[in-house]
Amino acid sequence: MKPTAFLVNAARGGIVNETALLDALKTGKIAGAAIDVLSVEPPTNSNILIDAQLPNLIITPHVAWASKEARQRIIDQTTENIQAYKKHQPLRTIDPPNSD
């Protein structure tokens, strides 16, 4: 990554090498990072990223997705899916890959 890049990880903690990220942030190899998940959840008191307290690093709880609006959307979509299933008209399906 270039020195002006920002890393955002809201997926899985294990995909980011926390030691390498800490080094990159401290040495300016990247501009900053925003992390929603760490390698161990819930994080331990000795996590190197939490302990670093860097100004170019933001760490949010792994529940940052759980806004009132997001939770309501999940409930609404689940209701829609159940109603559609009962009518034999499923929603939000994935088409199987073309076997040709």
Protein backbone atom coordinates (compact mmCIF):
# COMPACT_ATOMS: atom_id res chain seq x y z
CA MET A 1 0.00 0.00 0.00
CA LYS A 2 1.17 3.54 -0.62
CA PRO A 3 1.78 6.04 2.21
CA THR A 4 -1.49 7.88 1.52
CA ALA A 5 -3.62 4.72 1.78
CA PHE A 6 -6.11 3.98 4.53
CA LEU A 7 -6.91 0.38 5.47
CA VAL A 8 -10.50 -0.41 6.45
CA ASN A 9 -11.29 -3.84 7.84
CA ALA A 10 -14.89 -4.57 8.75
CA ALA A 11 -14.73 -8.22 7.69
CA ARG A 12 -12.59 -10.62 9.72
CA GLY A 13 -9.77 -9.99 12.14
CA GLY A 14 -7.58 -12.80 10.93
CA ILE A 15 -7.13 -11.29 7.46
CA VAL A 16 -5.00 -8.41 8.79
CA ASN A 17 -1.58 -9.07 10.26
CA GLU A 18 -1.83 -6.84 13.33
CA THR A 19 1.93 -6.70 13.90
CA ALA A 20 2.55 -5.60 10.31
CA LEU A 21 -0.29 -3.08 10.50
CA LEU A 22 1.11 -1.58 13.70
CA ASP A 23 4.53 -1.22 12.07
CA ALA A 24 3.01 0.34 8.93
CA LEU A 25 1.05 2.86 11.00
CA LYS A 26 4.01 3.80 13.21
CA THR A 27 6.46 4.20 10.33
CA GLY A 28 4.11 6.00 7.93
CA LYS A 29 4.00 3.18 5.39
CA ILE A 30 0.24 3.81 5.33
CA ALA A 31 -1.70 6.90 6.42
CA GLY A 32 -4.17 5.22 8.72
CA ALA A 33 -6.52 2.39 9.50
CA ALA A 34 -10.08 1.83 10.68
CA ILE A 35 -10.73 -1.58 12.20
CA ASP A 36 -14.09 -3.03 13.22
CA VAL A 37 -12.72 -6.42 14.21
CA LEU A 38 -9.51 -7.71 15.76
CA SER A 39 -7.77 -11.08 15.63
CA VAL A 40 -9.35 -12.06 18.96
CA GLU A 41 -12.96 -11.11 19.73
CA PRO A 42 -13.73 -9.93 22.26
CA PRO A 43 -10.29 -8.32 22.34
CA THR A 44 -7.92 -9.00 25.18
CA ASN A 45 -6.33 -6.29 27.27
CA SER A 46 -2.99 -6.99 25.64
CA ASN A 47 -3.95 -6.46 21.98
CA ILE A 48 -1.08 -4.58 20.35
CA LEU A 49 -3.36 -2.33 18.33
CA ILE A 50 -5.43 -1.25 21.31
CA ASP A 51 -2.33 -0.72 23.43
CA ALA A 52 -0.70 1.42 20.71
CA GLN A 53 -3.18 4.32 21.04
CA LEU A 54 -2.19 5.80 17.68
CA PRO A 55 -3.82 8.94 16.26
CA ASN A 56 -4.03 7.35 12.79
CA LEU A 57 -5.92 4.25 14.02
CA ILE A 58 -9.63 3.95 14.78
CA ILE A 59 -10.94 0.77 16.41
CA THR A 60 -14.68 0.30 16.82
CA PRO A 61 -16.54 -2.52 18.57
CA HIS A 62 -17.44 -5.40 16.30
CA VAL A 63 -21.08 -4.37 16.69
CA ALA A 64 -20.63 -1.14 14.75
CA TRP A 65 -23.04 -2.53 12.10
CA ALA A 66 -25.84 -2.82 14.67
CA SER A 67 -27.54 0.54 14.25
CA LYS A 68 -31.27 0.68 14.88
CA GLU A 69 -31.82 1.10 11.13
CA ALA A 70 -29.66 -1.91 10.21
CA ARG A 71 -31.41 -4.15 12.73
CA GLN A 72 -34.82 -3.01 11.47
CA ARG A 73 -33.75 -3.74 7.87
CA ILE A 74 -32.82 -7.30 8.87
CA ILE A 75 -36.22 -7.81 10.53
CA ASP A 76 -38.06 -6.37 7.51
CA GLN A 77 -36.14 -8.51 5.03
CA THR A 78 -36.66 -11.64 7.11
CA THR A 79 -40.40 -10.96 7.17
CA GLU A 80 -40.43 -10.39 3.40
CA ASN A 81 -38.47 -13.61 2.84
CA ILE A 82 -40.90 -15.68 4.94
CA GLN A 83 -43.96 -14.19 3.22
CA ALA A 84 -42.44 -14.78 -0.23
CA TYR A 85 -41.47 -18.36 0.67
CA LYS A 86 -45.03 -19.11 1.77
CA LYS A 87 -46.23 -17.89 -1.65
CA HIS A 88 -43.57 -20.05 -3.38
CA GLN A 89 -41.92 -16.88 -4.69
CA PRO A 90 -38.56 -16.81 -2.89
CA LEU A 91 -36.63 -13.54 -2.73
CA ARG A 92 -32.91 -12.82 -2.53
CA THR A 93 -31.84 -16.12 -4.04
CA ILE A 94 -28.53 -16.93 -5.67
CA ASP A 95 -28.71 -18.43 -9.13
CA PRO A 96 -26.62 -21.60 -9.49
CA PRO A 97 -23.58 -21.25 -11.75
CA ASN A 98 -24.11 -22.02 -15.42
CA SER A 99 -23.12 -25.64 -16.04
CA ASP A 100 -22.57 -25.17 -19.79
